[in-house]
Amino acid sequence: GTVLGNWYAEDLKDLQLEIPFDAVIPVPLHKRKFKERGYNQ
């Protein structure tokens, strides 16, 4: 995830969005699922 995120961020830096992003929000896991897996992918 880190490698793919770093790679894509370089491409997205050149975007000329009318409204820039303010924050990144991950699709969350339920607490039970997070406990089972140990991390959110």
ModelCIF file with pLDDT and N, C-alpha, C, O atoms, coordinates in Angstrom:
data_MODEL
#
_entry.id   MODEL 
#
_entity.id                         1 
_entity.type                       polymer 
_entity.pdbx_number_of_molecules   1 
#
_entity_poly.entity_id                      1 
_entity_poly.type                           'polypeptide(L)' 
_entity_poly.nstd_linkage                   no 
_entity_poly.nstd_monomer                   no 
_entity_poly.pdbx_seq_one_letter_code       GTVLGNWYAEDLKDLQLEIPFDAVIPVPLHKRKFKERGYNQ 
_entity_poly.pdbx_seq_one_letter_code_can   GTVLGNWYAEDLKDLQLEIPFDAVIPVPLHKRKFKERGYNQ 
_entity_poly.pdbx_strand_id                 A 
#
loop_
_entity_poly_seq.entity_id 
_entity_poly_seq.num 
_entity_poly_seq.mon_id 
_entity_poly_seq.hetero 
1 1  GLY n 
1 2  THR n 
1 3  VAL n 
1 4  LEU n 
1 5  GLY n 
1 6  ASN n 
1 7  TRP n 
1 8  TYR n 
1 9  ALA n 
1 10 GLU n 
1 11 ASP n 
1 12 LEU n 
1 13 LYS n 
1 14 ASP n 
1 15 LEU n 
1 16 GLN n 
1 17 LEU n 
1 18 GLU n 
1 19 ILE n 
1 20 PRO n 
1 21 PHE n 
1 22 ASP n 
1 23 ALA n 
1 24 VAL n 
1 25 ILE n 
1 26 PRO n 
1 27 VAL n 
1 28 PRO n 
1 29 LEU n 
1 30 HIS n 
1 31 LYS n 
1 32 ARG n 
1 33 LYS n 
1 34 PHE n 
1 35 LYS n 
1 36 GLU n 
1 37 ARG n 
1 38 GLY n 
1 39 TYR n 
1 40 ASN n 
1 41 GLN n 
#
_struct_asym.id          A 
_struct_asym.entity_id   1 
#
loop_
_ma_qa_metric.id 
_ma_qa_metric.mode 
_ma_qa_metric.name 
_ma_qa_metric.software_group_id 
_ma_qa_metric.type 
1 global pLDDT . pLDDT 
2 local  pLDDT . pLDDT 
#
_ma_qa_metric_global.metric_id      1 
_ma_qa_metric_global.metric_value   93.66 
_ma_qa_metric_global.model_id       1 
_ma_qa_metric_global.ordinal_id     1 
#
loop_
_ma_qa_metric_local.label_asym_id 
_ma_qa_metric_local.label_comp_id 
_ma_qa_metric_local.label_seq_id 
_ma_qa_metric_local.metric_id 
_ma_qa_metric_local.metric_value 
_ma_qa_metric_local.model_id 
_ma_qa_metric_local.ordinal_id 
A GLY 1  2 97.00 1 1  
A THR 2  2 97.00 1 2  
A VAL 3  2 96.00 1 3  
A LEU 4  2 97.00 1 4  
A GLY 5  2 97.00 1 5  
A ASN 6  2 97.00 1 6  
A TRP 7  2 96.00 1 7  
A TYR 8  2 97.00 1 8  
A ALA 9  2 97.00 1 9  
A GLU 10 2 95.00 1 10 
A ASP 11 2 94.00 1 11 
A LEU 12 2 94.00 1 12 
A LYS 13 2 89.00 1 13 
A ASP 14 2 84.00 1 14 
A LEU 15 2 86.00 1 15 
A GLN 16 2 82.00 1 16 
A LEU 17 2 85.00 1 17 
A GLU 18 2 83.00 1 18 
A ILE 19 2 87.00 1 19 
A PRO 20 2 93.00 1 20 
A PHE 21 2 96.00 1 21 
A ASP 22 2 97.00 1 22 
A ALA 23 2 98.00 1 23 
A VAL 24 2 98.00 1 24 
A ILE 25 2 98.00 1 25 
A PRO 26 2 98.00 1 26 
A VAL 27 2 97.00 1 27 
A PRO 28 2 96.00 1 28 
A LEU 29 2 95.00 1 29 
A HIS 30 2 93.00 1 30 
A LYS 31 2 92.00 1 31 
A ARG 32 2 93.00 1 32 
A LYS 33 2 92.00 1 33 
A PHE 34 2 93.00 1 34 
A LYS 35 2 92.00 1 35 
A GLU 36 2 92.00 1 36 
A ARG 37 2 92.00 1 37 
A GLY 38 2 95.00 1 38 
A TYR 39 2 96.00 1 39 
A ASN 40 2 97.00 1 40 
A GLN 41 2 97.00 1 41 
#
loop_
_atom_site.group_PDB 
_atom_site.id 
_atom_site.type_symbol 
_atom_site.label_atom_id 
_atom_site.label_alt_id 
_atom_site.label_comp_id 
_atom_site.label_asym_id 
_atom_site.label_entity_id 
_atom_site.label_seq_id 
_atom_site.pdbx_PDB_ins_code 
_atom_site.Cartn_x 
_atom_site.Cartn_y 
_atom_site.Cartn_z 
_atom_site.occupancy 
_atom_site.B_iso_or_equiv 
_atom_site.pdbx_formal_charge 
_atom_site.auth_seq_id 
_atom_site.auth_comp_id 
_atom_site.auth_asym_id 
_atom_site.auth_atom_id 
_atom_site.pdbx_PDB_model_num 
ATOM 1   N N  . GLY A 1 1  ? 0.812   -1.209  0.000   1.00 97.00 ? 1  GLY A N  1 
ATOM 2   C CA . GLY A 1 1  ? 0.000   0.000   0.000   1.00 97.00 ? 1  GLY A CA 1 
ATOM 3   C C  . GLY A 1 1  ? 0.846   1.259   0.000   1.00 97.00 ? 1  GLY A C  1 
ATOM 4   O O  . GLY A 1 1  ? 0.522   2.238   -0.672  1.00 97.00 ? 1  GLY A O  1 
ATOM 5   N N  . THR A 1 2  ? 1.923   1.225   0.752   1.00 97.00 ? 2  THR A N  1 
ATOM 6   C CA . THR A 1 2  ? 2.815   2.386   0.818   1.00 97.00 ? 2  THR A CA 1 
ATOM 7   C C  . THR A 1 2  ? 3.437   2.685   -0.543  1.00 97.00 ? 2  THR A C  1 
ATOM 8   O O  . THR A 1 2  ? 3.449   3.832   -0.989  1.00 97.00 ? 2  THR A O  1 
ATOM 9   N N  . VAL A 1 3  ? 3.951   1.647   -1.200  1.00 96.00 ? 3  VAL A N  1 
ATOM 10  C CA . VAL A 1 3  ? 4.597   1.841   -2.501  1.00 96.00 ? 3  VAL A CA 1 
ATOM 11  C C  . VAL A 1 3  ? 3.594   2.347   -3.534  1.00 96.00 ? 3  VAL A C  1 
ATOM 12  O O  . VAL A 1 3  ? 3.892   3.279   -4.281  1.00 96.00 ? 3  VAL A O  1 
ATOM 13  N N  . LEU A 1 4  ? 2.399   1.734   -3.583  1.00 97.00 ? 4  LEU A N  1 
ATOM 14  C CA . LEU A 1 4  ? 1.390   2.169   -4.548  1.00 97.00 ? 4  LEU A CA 1 
ATOM 15  C C  . LEU A 1 4  ? 0.919   3.591   -4.259  1.00 97.00 ? 4  LEU A C  1 
ATOM 16  O O  . LEU A 1 4  ? 0.704   4.377   -5.182  1.00 97.00 ? 4  LEU A O  1 
ATOM 17  N N  . GLY A 1 5  ? 0.759   3.921   -2.977  1.00 97.00 ? 5  GLY A N  1 
ATOM 18  C CA . GLY A 1 5  ? 0.324   5.267   -2.607  1.00 97.00 ? 5  GLY A CA 1 
ATOM 19  C C  . GLY A 1 5  ? 1.355   6.322   -2.966  1.00 97.00 ? 5  GLY A C  1 
ATOM 20  O O  . GLY A 1 5  ? 1.008   7.381   -3.489  1.00 97.00 ? 5  GLY A O  1 
ATOM 21  N N  . ASN A 1 6  ? 2.617   6.040   -2.688  1.00 97.00 ? 6  ASN A N  1 
ATOM 22  C CA . ASN A 1 6  ? 3.685   6.983   -3.051  1.00 97.00 ? 6  ASN A CA 1 
ATOM 23  C C  . ASN A 1 6  ? 3.762   7.180   -4.563  1.00 97.00 ? 6  ASN A C  1 
ATOM 24  O O  . ASN A 1 6  ? 3.947   8.293   -5.056  1.00 97.00 ? 6  ASN A O  1 
ATOM 25  N N  . TRP A 1 7  ? 3.615   6.068   -5.285  1.00 96.00 ? 7  TRP A N  1 
ATOM 26  C CA . TRP A 1 7  ? 3.678   6.105   -6.746  1.00 96.00 ? 7  TRP A CA 1 
ATOM 27  C C  . TRP A 1 7  ? 2.549   6.971   -7.301  1.00 96.00 ? 7  TRP A C  1 
ATOM 28  O O  . TRP A 1 7  ? 2.782   7.853   -8.128  1.00 96.00 ? 7  TRP A O  1 
ATOM 29  N N  . TYR A 1 8  ? 1.317   6.712   -6.839  1.00 97.00 ? 8  TYR A N  1 
ATOM 30  C CA . TYR A 1 8  ? 0.176   7.435   -7.394  1.00 97.00 ? 8  TYR A CA 1 
ATOM 31  C C  . TYR A 1 8  ? 0.152   8.901   -6.950  1.00 97.00 ? 8  TYR A C  1 
ATOM 32  O O  . TYR A 1 8  ? -0.307  9.767   -7.695  1.00 97.00 ? 8  TYR A O  1 
ATOM 33  N N  . ALA A 1 9  ? 0.634   9.175   -5.766  1.00 97.00 ? 9  ALA A N  1 
ATOM 34  C CA . ALA A 1 9  ? 0.678   10.563  -5.292  1.00 97.00 ? 9  ALA A CA 1 
ATOM 35  C C  . ALA A 1 9  ? 1.505   11.430  -6.226  1.00 97.00 ? 9  ALA A C  1 
ATOM 36  O O  . ALA A 1 9  ? 1.176   12.596  -6.444  1.00 97.00 ? 9  ALA A O  1 
ATOM 37  N N  . GLU A 1 10 ? 2.582   10.869  -6.784  1.00 95.00 ? 10 GLU A N  1 
ATOM 38  C CA . GLU A 1 10 ? 3.410   11.629  -7.720  1.00 95.00 ? 10 GLU A CA 1 
ATOM 39  C C  . GLU A 1 10 ? 2.623   12.017  -8.963  1.00 95.00 ? 10 GLU A C  1 
ATOM 40  O O  . GLU A 1 10 ? 2.799   13.112  -9.497  1.00 95.00 ? 10 GLU A O  1 
ATOM 41  N N  . ASP A 1 11 ? 1.743   11.109  -9.429  1.00 94.00 ? 11 ASP A N  1 
ATOM 42  C CA . ASP A 1 11 ? 0.915   11.417  -10.596 1.00 94.00 ? 11 ASP A CA 1 
ATOM 43  C C  . ASP A 1 11 ? -0.149  12.465  -10.251 1.00 94.00 ? 11 ASP A C  1 
ATOM 44  O O  . ASP A 1 11 ? -0.451  13.345  -11.057 1.00 94.00 ? 11 ASP A O  1 
ATOM 45  N N  . LEU A 1 12 ? -0.707  12.356  -9.051  1.00 94.00 ? 12 LEU A N  1 
ATOM 46  C CA . LEU A 1 12 ? -1.818  13.229  -8.666  1.00 94.00 ? 12 LEU A CA 1 
ATOM 47  C C  . LEU A 1 12 ? -1.367  14.653  -8.334  1.00 94.00 ? 12 LEU A C  1 
ATOM 48  O O  . LEU A 1 12 ? -2.181  15.576  -8.343  1.00 94.00 ? 12 LEU A O  1 
ATOM 49  N N  . LYS A 1 13 ? -0.088  14.835  -8.045  1.00 89.00 ? 13 LYS A N  1 
ATOM 50  C CA . LYS A 1 13 ? 0.407   16.173  -7.712  1.00 89.00 ? 13 LYS A CA 1 
ATOM 51  C C  . LYS A 1 13 ? 0.199   17.163  -8.851  1.00 89.00 ? 13 LYS A C  1 
ATOM 52  O O  . LYS A 1 13 ? 0.082   18.367  -8.621  1.00 89.00 ? 13 LYS A O  1 
ATOM 53  N N  . ASP A 1 14 ? 0.154   16.661  -10.064 1.00 84.00 ? 14 ASP A N  1 
ATOM 54  C CA . ASP A 1 14 ? 0.020   17.536  -11.226 1.00 84.00 ? 14 ASP A CA 1 
ATOM 55  C C  . ASP A 1 14 ? -1.431  17.850  -11.582 1.00 84.00 ? 14 ASP A C  1 
ATOM 56  O O  . ASP A 1 14 ? -1.694  18.607  -12.517 1.00 84.00 ? 14 ASP A O  1 
ATOM 57  N N  . LEU A 1 15 ? -2.383  17.262  -10.828 1.00 86.00 ? 15 LEU A N  1 
ATOM 58  C CA . LEU A 1 15 ? -3.792  17.519  -11.110 1.00 86.00 ? 15 LEU A CA 1 
ATOM 59  C C  . LEU A 1 15 ? -4.139  18.974  -10.819 1.00 86.00 ? 15 LEU A C  1 
ATOM 60  O O  . LEU A 1 15 ? -3.698  19.543  -9.820  1.00 86.00 ? 15 LEU A O  1 
ATOM 61  N N  . GLN A 1 16 ? -4.926  19.560  -11.695 1.00 82.00 ? 16 GLN A N  1 
ATOM 62  C CA . GLN A 1 16 ? -5.401  20.923  -11.487 1.00 82.00 ? 16 GLN A CA 1 
ATOM 63  C C  . GLN A 1 16 ? -6.885  20.866  -11.136 1.00 82.00 ? 16 GLN A C  1 
ATOM 64  O O  . GLN A 1 16 ? -7.745  21.158  -11.967 1.00 82.00 ? 16 GLN A O  1 
ATOM 65  N N  . LEU A 1 17 ? -7.170  20.483  -9.884  1.00 85.00 ? 17 LEU A N  1 
ATOM 66  C CA . LEU A 1 17 ? -8.555  20.351  -9.451  1.00 85.00 ? 17 LEU A CA 1 
ATOM 67  C C  . LEU A 1 17 ? -9.155  21.710  -9.116  1.00 85.00 ? 17 LEU A C  1 
ATOM 68  O O  . LEU A 1 17 ? -8.485  22.576  -8.553  1.00 85.00 ? 17 LEU A O  1 
ATOM 69  N N  . GLU A 1 18 ? -10.406 21.883  -9.463  1.00 83.00 ? 18 GLU A N  1 
ATOM 70  C CA . GLU A 1 18 ? -11.096 23.127  -9.137  1.00 83.00 ? 18 GLU A CA 1 
ATOM 71  C C  . GLU A 1 18 ? -11.202 23.295  -7.621  1.00 83.00 ? 18 GLU A C  1 
ATOM 72  O O  . GLU A 1 18 ? -11.071 24.401  -7.097  1.00 83.00 ? 18 GLU A O  1 
ATOM 73  N N  . ILE A 1 19 ? -11.441 22.180  -6.927  1.00 87.00 ? 19 ILE A N  1 
ATOM 74  C CA . ILE A 1 19 ? -11.515 22.188  -5.461  1.00 87.00 ? 19 ILE A CA 1 
ATOM 75  C C  . ILE A 1 19 ? -10.497 21.174  -4.940  1.00 87.00 ? 19 ILE A C  1 
ATOM 76  O O  . ILE A 1 19 ? -10.751 19.975  -5.050  1.00 87.00 ? 19 ILE A O  1 
ATOM 77  N N  . PRO A 1 20 ? -9.375  21.584  -4.386  1.00 93.00 ? 20 PRO A N  1 
ATOM 78  C CA . PRO A 1 20 ? -8.340  20.653  -3.898  1.00 93.00 ? 20 PRO A CA 1 
ATOM 79  C C  . PRO A 1 20 ? -8.854  19.757  -2.770  1.00 93.00 ? 20 PRO A C  1 
ATOM 80  O O  . PRO A 1 20 ? -9.773  20.124  -2.037  1.00 93.00 ? 20 PRO A O  1 
ATOM 81  N N  . PHE A 1 21 ? -8.248  18.583  -2.645  1.00 96.00 ? 21 PHE A N  1 
ATOM 82  C CA . PHE A 1 21 ? -8.578  17.684  -1.541  1.00 96.00 ? 21 PHE A CA 1 
ATOM 83  C C  . PHE A 1 21 ? -8.142  18.313  -0.216  1.00 96.00 ? 21 PHE A C  1 
ATOM 84  O O  . PHE A 1 21 ? -7.102  18.967  -0.138  1.00 96.00 ? 21 PHE A O  1 
ATOM 85  N N  . ASP A 1 22 ? -8.952  18.106  0.822   1.00 97.00 ? 22 ASP A N  1 
ATOM 86  C CA . ASP A 1 22 ? -8.605  18.611  2.153   1.00 97.00 ? 22 ASP A CA 1 
ATOM 87  C C  . ASP A 1 22 ? -8.146  17.503  3.099   1.00 97.00 ? 22 ASP A C  1 
ATOM 88  O O  . ASP A 1 22 ? -7.388  17.764  4.033   1.00 97.00 ? 22 ASP A O  1 
ATOM 89  N N  . ALA A 1 23 ? -8.598  16.275  2.868   1.00 98.00 ? 23 ALA A N  1 
ATOM 90  C CA . ALA A 1 23 ? -8.231  15.176  3.767   1.00 98.00 ? 23 ALA A CA 1 
ATOM 91  C C  . ALA A 1 23 ? -8.494  13.842  3.087   1.00 98.00 ? 23 ALA A C  1 
ATOM 92  O O  . ALA A 1 23 ? -9.397  13.719  2.259   1.00 98.00 ? 23 ALA A O  1 
ATOM 93  N N  . VAL A 1 24 ? -7.692  12.841  3.448   1.00 98.00 ? 24 VAL A N  1 
ATOM 94  C CA . VAL A 1 24 ? -7.877  11.472  2.964   1.00 98.00 ? 24 VAL A CA 1 
ATOM 95  C C  . VAL A 1 24 ? -8.639  10.680  4.016   1.00 98.00 ? 24 VAL A C  1 
ATOM 96  O O  . VAL A 1 24 ? -8.276  10.686  5.192   1.00 98.00 ? 24 VAL A O  1 
ATOM 97  N N  . ILE A 1 25 ? -9.705  9.994   3.584   1.00 98.00 ? 25 ILE A N  1 
ATOM 98  C CA . ILE A 1 25 ? -10.543 9.200   4.485   1.00 98.00 ? 25 ILE A CA 1 
ATOM 99  C C  . ILE A 1 25 ? -10.524 7.743   4.027   1.00 98.00 ? 25 ILE A C  1 
ATOM 100 O O  . ILE A 1 25 ? -11.010 7.460   2.932   1.00 98.00 ? 25 ILE A O  1 
ATOM 101 N N  . PRO A 1 26 ? -9.986  6.808   4.809   1.00 98.00 ? 26 PRO A N  1 
ATOM 102 C CA . PRO A 1 26 ? -10.005 5.397   4.403   1.00 98.00 ? 26 PRO A CA 1 
ATOM 103 C C  . PRO A 1 26 ? -11.374 4.772   4.655   1.00 98.00 ? 26 PRO A C  1 
ATOM 104 O O  . PRO A 1 26 ? -12.036 5.100   5.640   1.00 98.00 ? 26 PRO A O  1 
ATOM 105 N N  . VAL A 1 27 ? -11.797 3.877   3.772   1.00 97.00 ? 27 VAL A N  1 
ATOM 106 C CA . VAL A 1 27 ? -12.984 3.079   4.066   1.00 97.00 ? 27 VAL A CA 1 
ATOM 107 C C  . VAL A 1 27 ? -12.660 2.245   5.307   1.00 97.00 ? 27 VAL A C  1 
ATOM 108 O O  . VAL A 1 27 ? -11.709 1.463   5.290   1.00 97.00 ? 27 VAL A O  1 
ATOM 109 N N  . PRO A 1 28 ? -13.429 2.399   6.371   1.00 96.00 ? 28 PRO A N  1 
ATOM 110 C CA . PRO A 1 28 ? -13.051 1.765   7.639   1.00 96.00 ? 28 PRO A CA 1 
ATOM 111 C C  . PRO A 1 28 ? -13.473 0.304   7.751   1.00 96.00 ? 28 PRO A C  1 
ATOM 112 O O  . PRO A 1 28 ? -14.401 -0.144  7.079   1.00 96.00 ? 28 PRO A O  1 
ATOM 113 N N  . LEU A 1 29 ? -12.779 -0.418  8.607   1.00 95.00 ? 29 LEU A N  1 
ATOM 114 C CA . LEU A 1 29 ? -13.193 -1.754  9.012   1.00 95.00 ? 29 LEU A CA 1 
ATOM 115 C C  . LEU A 1 29 ? -14.010 -1.649  10.289  1.00 95.00 ? 29 LEU A C  1 
ATOM 116 O O  . LEU A 1 29 ? -13.828 -0.715  11.071  1.00 95.00 ? 29 LEU A O  1 
ATOM 117 N N  . HIS A 1 30 ? -14.902 -2.596  10.503  1.00 93.00 ? 30 HIS A N  1 
ATOM 118 C CA . HIS A 1 30 ? -15.567 -2.696  11.800  1.00 93.00 ? 30 HIS A CA 1 
ATOM 119 C C  . HIS A 1 30 ? -14.537 -3.104  12.844  1.00 93.00 ? 30 HIS A C  1 
ATOM 120 O O  . HIS A 1 30 ? -13.554 -3.771  12.520  1.00 93.00 ? 30 HIS A O  1 
ATOM 121 N N  . LYS A 1 31 ? -14.753 -2.710  14.086  1.00 92.00 ? 31 LYS A N  1 
ATOM 122 C CA . LYS A 1 31 ? -13.788 -3.023  15.153  1.00 92.00 ? 31 LYS A CA 1 
ATOM 123 C C  . LYS A 1 31 ? -13.512 -4.514  15.253  1.00 92.00 ? 31 LYS A C  1 
ATOM 124 O O  . LYS A 1 31 ? -12.383 -4.928  15.514  1.00 92.00 ? 31 LYS A O  1 
ATOM 125 N N  . ARG A 1 32 ? -14.543 -5.313  15.046  1.00 93.00 ? 32 ARG A N  1 
ATOM 126 C CA . ARG A 1 32 ? -14.355 -6.767  15.119  1.00 93.00 ? 32 ARG A CA 1 
ATOM 127 C C  . ARG A 1 32 ? -13.469 -7.252  13.979  1.00 93.00 ? 32 ARG A C  1 
ATOM 128 O O  . ARG A 1 32 ? -12.572 -8.069  14.187  1.00 93.00 ? 32 ARG A O  1 
ATOM 129 N N  . LYS A 1 33 ? -13.727 -6.738  12.754  1.00 92.00 ? 33 LYS A N  1 
ATOM 130 C CA . LYS A 1 33 ? -12.910 -7.124  11.605  1.00 92.00 ? 33 LYS A CA 1 
ATOM 131 C C  . LYS A 1 33 ? -11.466 -6.655  11.771  1.00 92.00 ? 33 LYS A C  1 
ATOM 132 O O  . LYS A 1 33 ? -10.523 -7.364  11.421  1.00 92.00 ? 33 LYS A O  1 
ATOM 133 N N  . PHE A 1 34 ? -11.314 -5.440  12.315  1.00 93.00 ? 34 PHE A N  1 
ATOM 134 C CA . PHE A 1 34 ? -9.969  -4.916  12.545  1.00 93.00 ? 34 PHE A CA 1 
ATOM 135 C C  . PHE A 1 34 ? -9.211  -5.809  13.530  1.00 93.00 ? 34 PHE A C  1 
ATOM 136 O O  . PHE A 1 34 ? -8.020  -6.067  13.356  1.00 93.00 ? 34 PHE A O  1 
ATOM 137 N N  . LYS A 1 35 ? -9.903  -6.272  14.553  1.00 92.00 ? 35 LYS A N  1 
ATOM 138 C CA . LYS A 1 35 ? -9.269  -7.146  15.552  1.00 92.00 ? 35 LYS A CA 1 
ATOM 139 C C  . LYS A 1 35 ? -8.889  -8.480  14.918  1.00 92.00 ? 35 LYS A C  1 
ATOM 140 O O  . LYS A 1 35 ? -7.839  -9.037  15.239  1.00 92.00 ? 35 LYS A O  1 
ATOM 141 N N  . GLU A 1 36 ? -9.718  -8.992  14.033  1.00 92.00 ? 36 GLU A N  1 
ATOM 142 C CA . GLU A 1 36 ? -9.435  -10.267 13.368  1.00 92.00 ? 36 GLU A CA 1 
ATOM 143 C C  . GLU A 1 36 ? -8.221  -10.162 12.452  1.00 92.00 ? 36 GLU A C  1 
ATOM 144 O O  . GLU A 1 36 ? -7.357  -11.039 12.440  1.00 92.00 ? 36 GLU A O  1 
ATOM 145 N N  . ARG A 1 37 ? -8.171  -9.062  11.679  1.00 92.00 ? 37 ARG A N  1 
ATOM 146 C CA . ARG A 1 37 ? -7.107  -8.909  10.687  1.00 92.00 ? 37 ARG A CA 1 
ATOM 147 C C  . ARG A 1 37 ? -5.868  -8.242  11.271  1.00 92.00 ? 37 ARG A C  1 
ATOM 148 O O  . ARG A 1 37 ? -4.745  -8.558  10.879  1.00 92.00 ? 37 ARG A O  1 
ATOM 149 N N  . GLY A 1 38 ? -6.070  -7.327  12.201  1.00 95.00 ? 38 GLY A N  1 
ATOM 150 C CA . GLY A 1 38 ? -4.946  -6.643  12.834  1.00 95.00 ? 38 GLY A CA 1 
ATOM 151 C C  . GLY A 1 38 ? -4.586  -5.320  12.193  1.00 95.00 ? 38 GLY A C  1 
ATOM 152 O O  . GLY A 1 38 ? -3.764  -4.579  12.732  1.00 95.00 ? 38 GLY A O  1 
ATOM 153 N N  . TYR A 1 39 ? -5.182  -5.007  11.053  1.00 96.00 ? 39 TYR A N  1 
ATOM 154 C CA . TYR A 1 39 ? -4.889  -3.754  10.359  1.00 96.00 ? 39 TYR A CA 1 
ATOM 155 C C  . TYR A 1 39 ? -5.943  -3.543  9.275   1.00 96.00 ? 39 TYR A C  1 
ATOM 156 O O  . TYR A 1 39 ? -6.620  -4.481  8.853   1.00 96.00 ? 39 TYR A O  1 
ATOM 157 N N  . ASN A 1 40 ? -6.067  -2.294  8.836   1.00 97.00 ? 40 ASN A N  1 
ATOM 158 C CA . ASN A 1 40 ? -6.930  -1.962  7.708   1.00 97.00 ? 40 ASN A CA 1 
ATOM 159 C C  . ASN A 1 40 ? -6.057  -1.947  6.459   1.00 97.00 ? 40 ASN A C  1 
ATOM 160 O O  . ASN A 1 40 ? -5.061  -1.226  6.411   1.00 97.00 ? 40 ASN A O  1 
ATOM 161 N N  . GLN A 1 41 ? -6.415  -2.725  5.460   1.00 97.00 ? 41 GLN A N  1 
ATOM 162 C CA . GLN A 1 41 ? -5.553  -2.893  4.288   1.00 97.00 ? 41 GLN A CA 1 
ATOM 163 C C  . GLN A 1 41 ? -5.385  -1.620  3.463   1.00 97.00 ? 41 GLN A C  1 
ATOM 164 O O  . GLN A 1 41 ? -4.684  -1.627  2.451   1.00 97.00 ? 41 GLN A O  1 
#
